[in-house]
Amino acid sequence: MWPAALTDPLRLYQRAFMETVDSTQRALTFMGASARVVMHAVDRQQAVATDIGRHVRETLAGTSGLRESTRRA
């Protein structure tokens, strides 16, 4: 590789530049895929938190009715 680089340095620079561009593209693609995975996880957690909040509200609403009925008795 070095003898060819000494005879044609521009080709070496071009090849190094293309490899840098390719590596950058792969890194950005990987980062995009990772961001999508994180967003899906956040969406799932938000859905679970919403469901839990709804269940807690329903439970508290149900127990307040029980407390009032036991106070009346």
PDB file of N, CA and C in Angstrom:
ATOM      1  N   MET A   1       0.822  -1.186   0.000  1.00  0.00           N
ATOM      2  CA  MET A   1       0.000   0.000   0.000  1.00  0.00           C
ATOM      3  C   MET A   1       0.877   1.265   0.000  1.00  0.00           C
ATOM      4  N   TRP A   2       1.948   1.245   0.774  1.00  0.00           N
ATOM      5  CA  TRP A   2       2.782   2.445   0.864  1.00  0.00           C
ATOM      6  C   TRP A   2       3.470   2.795  -0.447  1.00  0.00           C
ATOM      7  N   PRO A   3       3.969   1.824  -1.207  1.00  0.00           N
ATOM      8  CA  PRO A   3       4.580   2.228  -2.485  1.00  0.00           C
ATOM      9  C   PRO A   3       3.568   2.923  -3.405  1.00  0.00           C
ATOM     10  N   ALA A   4       2.345   2.432  -3.416  1.00  0.00           N
ATOM     11  CA  ALA A   4       1.317   3.068  -4.247  1.00  0.00           C
ATOM     12  C   ALA A   4       0.986   4.458  -3.713  1.00  0.00           C
ATOM     13  N   ALA A   5       0.993   4.633  -2.391  1.00  0.00           N
ATOM     14  CA  ALA A   5       0.702   5.934  -1.795  1.00  0.00           C
ATOM     15  C   ALA A   5       1.792   6.941  -2.136  1.00  0.00           C
ATOM     16  N   LEU A   6       3.015   6.474  -2.216  1.00  0.00           N
ATOM     17  CA  LEU A   6       4.106   7.390  -2.545  1.00  0.00           C
ATOM     18  C   LEU A   6       4.066   7.832  -4.004  1.00  0.00           C
ATOM     19  N   THR A   7       3.582   6.950  -4.858  1.00  0.00           N
ATOM     20  CA  THR A   7       3.528   7.317  -6.275  1.00  0.00           C
ATOM     21  C   THR A   7       2.268   8.097  -6.621  1.00  0.00           C
ATOM     22  N   ASP A   8       1.174   7.883  -5.868  1.00  0.00           N
ATOM     23  CA  ASP A   8      -0.094   8.584  -6.164  1.00  0.00           C
ATOM     24  C   ASP A   8      -0.743   9.021  -4.847  1.00  0.00           C
ATOM     25  N   PRO A   9      -0.239  10.081  -4.212  1.00  0.00           N
ATOM     26  CA  PRO A   9      -0.769  10.498  -2.909  1.00  0.00           C
ATOM     27  C   PRO A   9      -2.214  10.997  -2.971  1.00  0.00           C
ATOM     28  N   LEU A  10      -2.631  11.552  -4.102  1.00  0.00           N
ATOM     29  CA  LEU A  10      -4.011  12.025  -4.203  1.00  0.00           C
ATOM     30  C   LEU A  10      -5.007  10.879  -4.103  1.00  0.00           C
ATOM     31  N   ARG A  11      -4.665   9.748  -4.678  1.00  0.00           N
ATOM     32  CA  ARG A  11      -5.547   8.576  -4.580  1.00  0.00           C
ATOM     33  C   ARG A  11      -5.661   8.116  -3.125  1.00  0.00           C
ATOM     34  N   LEU A  12      -4.545   8.175  -2.387  1.00  0.00           N
ATOM     35  CA  LEU A  12      -4.574   7.811  -0.967  1.00  0.00           C
ATOM     36  C   LEU A  12      -5.472   8.762  -0.193  1.00  0.00           C
ATOM     37  N   TYR A  13      -5.362  10.053  -0.457  1.00  0.00           N
ATOM     38  CA  TYR A  13      -6.202  11.033   0.224  1.00  0.00           C
ATOM     39  C   TYR A  13      -7.677  10.827  -0.117  1.00  0.00           C
ATOM     40  N   GLN A  14      -7.943  10.551  -1.398  1.00  0.00           N
ATOM     41  CA  GLN A  14      -9.322  10.325  -1.813  1.00  0.00           C
ATOM     42  C   GLN A  14      -9.893   9.088  -1.122  1.00  0.00           C
ATOM     43  N   ARG A  15      -9.110   8.036  -1.075  1.00  0.00           N
ATOM     44  CA  ARG A  15      -9.565   6.797  -0.435  1.00  0.00           C
ATOM     45  C   ARG A  15      -9.807   7.006   1.057  1.00  0.00           C
ATOM     46  N   ALA A  16      -8.910   7.729   1.719  1.00  0.00           N
ATOM     47  CA  ALA A  16      -9.085   8.009   3.141  1.00  0.00           C
ATOM     48  C   ALA A  16     -10.328   8.859   3.367  1.00  0.00           C
ATOM     49  N   PHE A  17     -10.561   9.829   2.491  1.00  0.00           N
ATOM     50  CA  PHE A  17     -11.746  10.677   2.602  1.00  0.00           C
ATOM     51  C   PHE A  17     -13.013   9.861   2.415  1.00  0.00           C
ATOM     52  N   MET A  18     -13.041   8.989   1.431  1.00  0.00           N
ATOM     53  CA  MET A  18     -14.224   8.155   1.185  1.00  0.00           C
ATOM     54  C   MET A  18     -14.491   7.213   2.362  1.00  0.00           C
ATOM     55  N   GLU A  19     -13.445   6.668   2.946  1.00  0.00           N
ATOM     56  CA  GLU A  19     -13.624   5.806   4.112  1.00  0.00           C
ATOM     57  C   GLU A  19     -14.159   6.601   5.294  1.00  0.00           C
ATOM     58  N   THR A  20     -13.718   7.837   5.441  1.00  0.00           N
ATOM     59  CA  THR A  20     -14.217   8.698   6.514  1.00  0.00           C
ATOM     60  C   THR A  20     -15.699   9.004   6.310  1.00  0.00           C
ATOM     61  N   VAL A  21     -16.067   9.314   5.075  1.00  0.00           N
ATOM     62  CA  VAL A  21     -17.475   9.597   4.772  1.00  0.00           C
ATOM     63  C   VAL A  21     -18.324   8.354   5.028  1.00  0.00           C
ATOM     64  N   ASP A  22     -17.859   7.205   4.597  1.00  0.00           N
ATOM     65  CA  ASP A  22     -18.593   5.952   4.809  1.00  0.00           C
ATOM     66  C   ASP A  22     -18.762   5.652   6.295  1.00  0.00           C
ATOM     67  N   SER A  23     -17.695   5.831   7.055  1.00  0.00           N
ATOM     68  CA  SER A  23     -17.772   5.590   8.500  1.00  0.00           C
ATOM     69  C   SER A  23     -18.740   6.556   9.168  1.00  0.00           C
ATOM     70  N   THR A  24     -18.730   7.795   8.730  1.00  0.00           N
ATOM     71  CA  THR A  24     -19.650   8.790   9.289  1.00  0.00           C
ATOM     72  C   THR A  24     -21.085   8.434   8.968  1.00  0.00           C
ATOM     73  N   GLN A  25     -21.347   8.005   7.745  1.00  0.00           N
ATOM     74  CA  GLN A  25     -22.702   7.595   7.373  1.00  0.00           C
ATOM     75  C   GLN A  25     -23.173   6.416   8.215  1.00  0.00           C
ATOM     76  N   ARG A  26     -22.309   5.428   8.404  1.00  0.00           N
ATOM     77  CA  ARG A  26     -22.685   4.276   9.226  1.00  0.00           C
ATOM     78  C   ARG A  26     -22.951   4.685  10.667  1.00  0.00           C
ATOM     79  N   ALA A  27     -22.132   5.588  11.197  1.00  0.00           N
ATOM     80  CA  ALA A  27     -22.324   6.044  12.572  1.00  0.00           C
ATOM     81  C   ALA A  27     -23.643   6.792  12.717  1.00  0.00           C
ATOM     82  N   LEU A  28     -23.961   7.644  11.753  1.00  0.00           N
ATOM     83  CA  LEU A  28     -25.222   8.385  11.814  1.00  0.00           C
ATOM     84  C   LEU A  28     -26.424   7.460  11.672  1.00  0.00           C
ATOM     85  N   THR A  29     -26.311   6.450  10.823  1.00  0.00           N
ATOM     86  CA  THR A  29     -27.385   5.472  10.676  1.00  0.00           C
ATOM     87  C   THR A  29     -27.600   4.722  11.988  1.00  0.00           C
ATOM     88  N   PHE A  30     -26.517   4.330  12.622  1.00  0.00           N
ATOM     89  CA  PHE A  30     -26.607   3.630  13.905  1.00  0.00           C
ATOM     90  C   PHE A  30     -27.225   4.536  14.968  1.00  0.00           C
ATOM     91  N   MET A  31     -26.823   5.807  14.989  1.00  0.00           N
ATOM     92  CA  MET A  31     -27.376   6.733  15.970  1.00  0.00           C
ATOM     93  C   MET A  31     -28.875   6.937  15.739  1.00  0.00           C
ATOM     94  N   GLY A  32     -29.297   6.993  14.484  1.00  0.00           N
ATOM     95  CA  GLY A  32     -30.721   7.129  14.174  1.00  0.00           C
ATOM     96  C   GLY A  32     -31.510   5.922  14.633  1.00  0.00           C
ATOM     97  N   ALA A  33     -30.964   4.730  14.403  1.00  0.00           N
ATOM     98  CA  ALA A  33     -31.640   3.508  14.850  1.00  0.00           C
ATOM     99  C   ALA A  33     -31.714   3.469  16.369  1.00  0.00           C
ATOM    100  N   SER A  34     -30.660   3.879  17.037  1.00  0.00           N
ATOM    101  CA  SER A  34     -30.657   3.904  18.503  1.00  0.00           C
ATOM    102  C   SER A  34     -31.683   4.907  19.022  1.00  0.00           C
ATOM    103  N   ALA A  35     -31.785   6.046  18.376  1.00  0.00           N
ATOM    104  CA  ALA A  35     -32.762   7.050  18.792  1.00  0.00           C
ATOM    105  C   ALA A  35     -34.187   6.526  18.624  1.00  0.00           C
ATOM    106  N   ARG A  36     -34.438   5.782  17.549  1.00  0.00           N
ATOM    107  CA  ARG A  36     -35.773   5.208  17.358  1.00  0.00           C
ATOM    108  C   ARG A  36     -36.092   4.189  18.441  1.00  0.00           C
ATOM    109  N   VAL A  37     -35.110   3.370  18.810  1.00  0.00           N
ATOM    110  CA  VAL A  37     -35.325   2.378  19.866  1.00  0.00           C
ATOM    111  C   VAL A  37     -35.638   3.076  21.190  1.00  0.00           C
ATOM    112  N   VAL A  38     -34.898   4.131  21.494  1.00  0.00           N
ATOM    113  CA  VAL A  38     -35.131   4.870  22.738  1.00  0.00           C
ATOM    114  C   VAL A  38     -36.524   5.503  22.724  1.00  0.00           C
ATOM    115  N   MET A  39     -36.922   6.074  21.594  1.00  0.00           N
ATOM    116  CA  MET A  39     -38.248   6.697  21.509  1.00  0.00           C
ATOM    117  C   MET A  39     -39.361   5.673  21.681  1.00  0.00           C
ATOM    118  N   HIS A  40     -39.189   4.479  21.129  1.00  0.00           N
ATOM    119  CA  HIS A  40     -40.191   3.420  21.321  1.00  0.00           C
ATOM    120  C   HIS A  40     -40.267   3.036  22.799  1.00  0.00           C
ATOM    121  N   ALA A  41     -39.140   2.946  23.463  1.00  0.00           N
ATOM    122  CA  ALA A  41     -39.136   2.599  24.887  1.00  0.00           C
ATOM    123  C   ALA A  41     -39.823   3.691  25.706  1.00  0.00           C
ATOM    124  N   VAL A  42     -39.568   4.943  25.374  1.00  0.00           N
ATOM    125  CA  VAL A  42     -40.200   6.055  26.084  1.00  0.00           C
ATOM    126  C   VAL A  42     -41.708   6.036  25.847  1.00  0.00           C
ATOM    127  N   ASP A  43     -42.124   5.771  24.624  1.00  0.00           N
ATOM    128  CA  ASP A  43     -43.556   5.687  24.332  1.00  0.00           C
ATOM    129  C   ASP A  43     -44.223   4.576  25.130  1.00  0.00           C
ATOM    130  N   ARG A  44     -43.555   3.420  25.227  1.00  0.00           N
ATOM    131  CA  ARG A  44     -44.121   2.316  26.013  1.00  0.00           C
ATOM    132  C   ARG A  44     -44.204   2.682  27.479  1.00  0.00           C
ATOM    133  N   GLN A  45     -43.168   3.331  28.015  1.00  0.00           N
ATOM    134  CA  GLN A  45     -43.192   3.733  29.418  1.00  0.00           C
ATOM    135  C   GLN A  45     -44.287   4.760  29.677  1.00  0.00           C
ATOM    136  N   GLN A  46     -44.498   5.663  28.752  1.00  0.00           N
ATOM    137  CA  GLN A  46     -45.544   6.659  28.916  1.00  0.00           C
ATOM    138  C   GLN A  46     -46.915   5.994  28.919  1.00  0.00           C
ATOM    139  N   ALA A  47     -47.108   5.021  28.038  1.00  0.00           N
ATOM    140  CA  ALA A  47     -48.382   4.308  27.999  1.00  0.00           C
ATOM    141  C   ALA A  47     -48.619   3.554  29.300  1.00  0.00           C
ATOM    142  N   VAL A  48     -47.587   2.909  29.816  1.00  0.00           N
ATOM    143  CA  VAL A  48     -47.722   2.176  31.077  1.00  0.00           C
ATOM    144  C   VAL A  48     -48.013   3.147  32.222  1.00  0.00           C
ATOM    145  N   ALA A  49     -47.317   4.284  32.265  1.00  0.00           N
ATOM    146  CA  ALA A  49     -47.542   5.267  33.324  1.00  0.00           C
ATOM    147  C   ALA A  49     -48.969   5.815  33.264  1.00  0.00           C
ATOM    148  N   THR A  50     -49.468   6.037  32.057  1.00  0.00           N
ATOM    149  CA  THR A  50     -50.847   6.515  31.901  1.00  0.00           C
ATOM    150  C   THR A  50     -51.838   5.471  32.411  1.00  0.00           C
ATOM    151  N   ASP A  51     -51.620   4.208  32.054  1.00  0.00           N
ATOM    152  CA  ASP A  51     -52.499   3.132  32.529  1.00  0.00           C
ATOM    153  C   ASP A  51     -52.454   3.015  34.048  1.00  0.00           C
ATOM    154  N   ILE A  52     -51.267   3.089  34.627  1.00  0.00           N
ATOM    155  CA  ILE A  52     -51.139   2.988  36.081  1.00  0.00           C
ATOM    156  C   ILE A  52     -51.855   4.154  36.757  1.00  0.00           C
ATOM    157  N   GLY A  53     -51.685   5.353  36.216  1.00  0.00           N
ATOM    158  CA  GLY A  53     -52.377   6.520  36.770  1.00  0.00           C
ATOM    159  C   GLY A  53     -53.877   6.358  36.720  1.00  0.00           C
ATOM    160  N   ARG A  54     -54.388   5.829  35.618  1.00  0.00           N
ATOM    161  CA  ARG A  54     -55.826   5.604  35.498  1.00  0.00           C
ATOM    162  C   ARG A  54     -56.300   4.572  36.513  1.00  0.00           C
ATOM    163  N   HIS A  55     -55.544   3.501  36.675  1.00  0.00           N
ATOM    164  CA  HIS A  55     -55.916   2.463  37.648  1.00  0.00           C
ATOM    165  C   HIS A  55     -55.875   3.008  39.067  1.00  0.00           C
ATOM    166  N   VAL A  56     -54.894   3.826  39.387  1.00  0.00           N
ATOM    167  CA  VAL A  56     -54.810   4.410  40.724  1.00  0.00           C
ATOM    168  C   VAL A  56     -56.004   5.319  40.971  1.00  0.00           C
ATOM    169  N   ARG A  57     -56.356   6.151  39.984  1.00  0.00           N
ATOM    170  CA  ARG A  57     -57.522   7.021  40.142  1.00  0.00           C
ATOM    171  C   ARG A  57     -58.794   6.211  40.333  1.00  0.00           C
ATOM    172  N   GLU A  58     -58.957   5.142  39.543  1.00  0.00           N
ATOM    173  CA  GLU A  58     -60.146   4.293  39.686  1.00  0.00           C
ATOM    174  C   GLU A  58     -60.177   3.632  41.057  1.00  0.00           C
ATOM    175  N   THR A  59     -59.017   3.164  41.510  1.00  0.00           N
ATOM    176  CA  THR A  59     -58.954   2.515  42.820  1.00  0.00           C
ATOM    177  C   THR A  59     -59.287   3.506  43.924  1.00  0.00           C
ATOM    178  N   LEU A  60     -58.706   4.695  43.863  1.00  0.00           N
ATOM    179  CA  LEU A  60     -58.989   5.706  44.884  1.00  0.00           C
ATOM    180  C   LEU A  60     -60.446   6.136  44.851  1.00  0.00           C
ATOM    181  N   ALA A  61     -61.026   6.249  43.680  1.00  0.00           N
ATOM    182  CA  ALA A  61     -62.443   6.607  43.568  1.00  0.00           C
ATOM    183  C   ALA A  61     -63.307   5.498  44.154  1.00  0.00           C
ATOM    184  N   GLY A  62     -62.923   4.255  43.952  1.00  0.00           N
ATOM    185  CA  GLY A  62     -63.679   3.125  44.495  1.00  0.00           C
ATOM    186  C   GLY A  62     -63.556   3.015  45.999  1.00  0.00           C
ATOM    187  N   THR A  63     -62.389   3.286  46.547  1.00  0.00           N
ATOM    188  CA  THR A  63     -62.208   3.175  47.996  1.00  0.00           C
ATOM    189  C   THR A  63     -62.858   4.341  48.725  1.00  0.00           C
ATOM    190  N   SER A  64     -62.962   5.508  48.111  1.00  0.00           N
ATOM    191  CA  SER A  64     -63.623   6.624  48.778  1.00  0.00           C
ATOM    192  C   SER A  64     -65.108   6.318  48.932  1.00  0.00           C
ATOM    193  N   GLY A  65     -65.697   5.627  47.971  1.00  0.00           N
ATOM    194  CA  GLY A  65     -67.095   5.200  48.097  1.00  0.00           C
ATOM    195  C   GLY A  65     -67.260   4.195  49.215  1.00  0.00           C
ATOM    196  N   LEU A  66     -66.283   3.300  49.404  1.00  0.00           N
ATOM    197  CA  LEU A  66     -66.338   2.322  50.486  1.00  0.00           C
ATOM    198  C   LEU A  66     -66.243   3.013  51.838  1.00  0.00           C
ATOM    199  N   ARG A  67     -65.373   3.997  51.947  1.00  0.00           N
ATOM    200  CA  ARG A  67     -65.216   4.708  53.213  1.00  0.00           C
ATOM    201  C   ARG A  67     -66.504   5.414  53.606  1.00  0.00           C
ATOM    202  N   GLU A  68     -67.175   6.039  52.634  1.00  0.00           N
ATOM    203  CA  GLU A  68     -68.414   6.741  52.945  1.00  0.00           C
ATOM    204  C   GLU A  68     -69.488   5.753  53.371  1.00  0.00           C
ATOM    205  N   SER A  69     -69.572   4.583  52.731  1.00  0.00           N
ATOM    206  CA  SER A  69     -70.614   3.615  53.079  1.00  0.00           C
ATOM    207  C   SER A  69     -70.334   3.016  54.464  1.00  0.00           C
ATOM    208  N   THR A  70     -69.065   2.837  54.840  1.00  0.00           N
ATOM    209  CA  THR A  70     -68.781   2.308  56.178  1.00  0.00           C
ATOM    210  C   THR A  70     -69.009   3.373  57.247  1.00  0.00           C
ATOM    211  N   ARG A  71     -68.833   4.641  56.950  1.00  0.00           N
ATOM    212  CA  ARG A  71     -69.110   5.709  57.903  1.00  0.00           C
ATOM    213  C   ARG A  71     -70.603   5.845  58.176  1.00  0.00           C
ATOM    214  N   ARG A  72     -71.430   5.608  57.165  1.00  0.00           N
ATOM    215  CA  ARG A  72     -72.870   5.733  57.319  1.00  0.00           C
ATOM    216  C   ARG A  72     -73.428   4.581  58.154  1.00  0.00           C
ATOM    217  N   ALA A  73     -72.784   3.449  58.114  1.00  0.00           N
ATOM    218  CA  ALA A  73     -73.328   2.275  58.802  1.00  0.00           C
ATOM    219  C   ALA A  73     -73.068   2.313  60.251  1.00  0.00           C
TER     220      ALA A  73
END
